[in-house]
Amino acid sequence: MQWMRNVNDTMSPQHKPDLLKWIGFNLVLLGCYLGFFYLCLALEFPWSLLIGWGMAGVVTGLCFRFRALFLNRYEFLFYLVLPLDMVLEGLIPEHVGYSFYLCAASFWFVFIVYRIYVSMGFQKTQSPPPCQ
């Protein structure tokens, strides 16, 4: 797959994804994610399952459509955990409370920290000492 880059690939500045586009993409995904949970709070079980599959399809399609915004394949795979979570959450018959805000915050914390980690070029400089 030519559109996916390895973690250690260096990119010239003109090939780096635009940060504002990445932020906008994340806001759209966050809206989809939170909207999914609000719909699950309002609707009964069979509908939450259908909504879970539908929103998972939308998020997966968005990830594939805007795959150029990802720095490498690992970041892309991190984002594909969102649709998996939506499908699994759709299997839960009744959603109560607003703990999904913590789940959303955790997802985006991982996305942002990984983005910073790769963008700053942190790489392994030496191998760890052998176990004794």
Protein backbone atom coordinates (compact mmCIF):
# COMPACT_ATOMS: atom_id res chain seq x y z
CA MET A 1 0.00 0.00 0.00
CA GLN A 2 1.72 3.06 -1.23
CA TRP A 3 -0.44 5.55 0.67
CA MET A 4 0.70 4.20 4.04
CA ARG A 5 4.07 5.20 5.39
CA ASN A 6 6.21 3.49 8.00
CA VAL A 7 6.81 5.10 11.38
CA ASN A 8 10.44 5.84 10.55
CA ASP A 9 9.79 7.32 7.12
CA THR A 10 10.86 10.90 6.86
CA MET A 11 8.55 13.27 5.07
CA SER A 12 9.38 16.51 3.39
CA PRO A 13 7.43 19.54 4.66
CA GLN A 14 5.21 19.69 1.56
CA HIS A 15 4.13 16.06 2.10
CA LYS A 16 3.23 16.44 5.77
CA PRO A 17 -0.52 16.51 6.32
CA ASP A 18 -1.99 19.90 7.07
CA LEU A 19 -2.57 20.30 10.81
CA LEU A 20 -5.76 22.32 10.40
CA LYS A 21 -7.28 19.64 8.16
CA TRP A 22 -6.31 17.01 10.71
CA ILE A 23 -7.95 19.01 13.51
CA GLY A 24 -11.11 19.48 11.44
CA PHE A 25 -11.18 15.76 10.63
CA ASN A 26 -10.90 14.94 14.32
CA LEU A 27 -13.72 17.33 15.20
CA VAL A 28 -15.98 15.61 12.65
CA LEU A 29 -15.07 12.20 14.08
CA LEU A 30 -15.65 13.43 17.62
CA GLY A 31 -19.07 14.74 16.58
CA CYS A 32 -19.92 11.35 15.04
CA TYR A 33 -18.72 9.54 18.16
CA LEU A 34 -20.64 11.71 20.63
CA GLY A 35 -23.71 11.78 18.37
CA PHE A 36 -23.70 7.99 18.29
CA PHE A 37 -23.80 7.82 22.09
CA TYR A 38 -26.53 10.43 22.38
CA LEU A 39 -28.63 8.43 19.94
CA CYS A 40 -27.96 5.27 21.97
CA LEU A 41 -29.17 7.06 25.10
CA ALA A 42 -32.39 8.09 23.39
CA LEU A 43 -33.24 4.88 21.52
CA GLU A 44 -33.87 1.25 22.48
CA PHE A 45 -31.67 -1.77 21.78
CA PRO A 46 -32.43 -2.83 18.23
CA TRP A 47 -31.92 0.73 17.05
CA SER A 48 -28.64 1.16 18.91
CA LEU A 49 -27.29 -1.90 17.10
CA LEU A 50 -28.28 -0.50 13.70
CA ILE A 51 -26.95 2.94 14.57
CA GLY A 52 -23.68 1.37 15.76
CA TRP A 53 -23.18 -0.41 12.44
CA GLY A 54 -24.21 2.65 10.45
CA MET A 55 -21.96 5.08 12.31
CA ALA A 56 -19.10 2.58 12.18
CA GLY A 57 -19.50 2.51 8.40
CA VAL A 58 -19.50 6.31 8.23
CA VAL A 59 -16.37 6.63 10.40
CA THR A 60 -14.57 3.87 8.48
CA GLY A 61 -15.44 5.56 5.20
CA LEU A 62 -14.17 8.90 6.49
CA CYS A 63 -10.91 7.31 7.63
CA PHE A 64 -10.34 5.75 4.22
CA ARG A 65 -11.40 8.90 2.36
CA PHE A 66 -9.05 11.14 4.33
CA ARG A 67 -6.22 8.63 4.78
CA ALA A 68 -3.69 11.19 3.53
CA LEU A 69 -4.10 13.03 6.85
CA PHE A 70 -2.50 10.17 8.78
CA LEU A 71 1.23 10.17 9.37
CA ASN A 72 1.62 6.39 9.06
CA ARG A 73 -0.29 3.12 9.07
CA TYR A 74 -0.23 2.82 12.85
CA GLU A 75 -2.05 6.11 13.29
CA PHE A 76 -4.56 4.93 10.69
CA LEU A 77 -5.10 1.68 12.60
CA PHE A 78 -5.58 3.59 15.88
CA TYR A 79 -8.42 5.48 14.24
CA LEU A 80 -10.03 2.27 13.01
CA VAL A 81 -10.56 1.28 16.66
CA LEU A 82 -13.34 3.93 16.80
CA PRO A 83 -15.70 2.04 14.46
CA LEU A 84 -14.94 -1.19 16.30
CA ASP A 85 -15.91 0.50 19.56
CA MET A 86 -19.14 1.77 18.00
CA VAL A 87 -20.10 -1.72 16.84
CA LEU A 88 -19.35 -3.21 20.25
CA GLU A 89 -21.19 -0.40 22.07
CA GLY A 90 -24.16 -1.00 19.81
CA LEU A 91 -24.42 -4.51 21.24
CA ILE A 92 -25.08 -3.12 24.74
CA PRO A 93 -28.85 -3.15 25.27
CA GLU A 94 -29.11 -0.09 27.49
CA HIS A 95 -26.80 2.90 27.83
CA VAL A 96 -27.02 4.94 31.03
CA GLY A 97 -25.01 7.89 32.22
CA TYR A 98 -22.48 10.01 30.46
CA SER A 99 -19.29 8.01 30.99
CA PHE A 100 -18.79 7.95 27.23
CA TYR A 101 -17.20 11.40 27.59
CA LEU A 102 -14.28 9.73 29.38
CA CYS A 103 -14.05 7.16 26.60
CA ALA A 104 -13.96 9.90 23.96
CA ALA A 105 -11.34 11.82 25.94
CA SER A 106 -9.22 8.67 26.20
CA PHE A 107 -9.40 8.02 22.47
CA TRP A 108 -8.39 11.54 21.54
CA PHE A 109 -5.67 11.62 24.19
CA VAL A 110 -4.08 8.60 22.48
CA PHE A 111 -4.54 10.16 19.03
CA ILE A 112 -2.95 13.47 20.04
CA VAL A 113 -0.06 11.99 22.03
CA TYR A 114 0.81 9.58 19.21
CA ARG A 115 0.65 12.41 16.69
CA ILE A 116 3.02 14.53 18.76
CA TYR A 117 5.31 11.55 19.37
CA VAL A 118 5.69 10.76 15.66
CA SER A 119 5.78 14.40 14.52
CA MET A 120 8.63 15.26 16.84
CA GLY A 121 10.65 12.36 15.49
CA PHE A 122 11.20 10.39 18.67
CA GLN A 123 12.99 7.23 17.72
CA LYS A 124 14.82 4.49 19.50
CA THR A 125 18.49 5.49 19.69
CA GLN A 126 19.95 2.42 21.25
CA SER A 127 18.89 -1.08 22.09
CA PRO A 128 17.94 -1.88 25.66
CA PRO A 129 20.45 -3.64 27.86
CA PRO A 130 20.26 -7.45 27.73
CA CYS A 131 18.34 -9.24 30.45
CA GLN A 132 20.49 -10.92 33.05
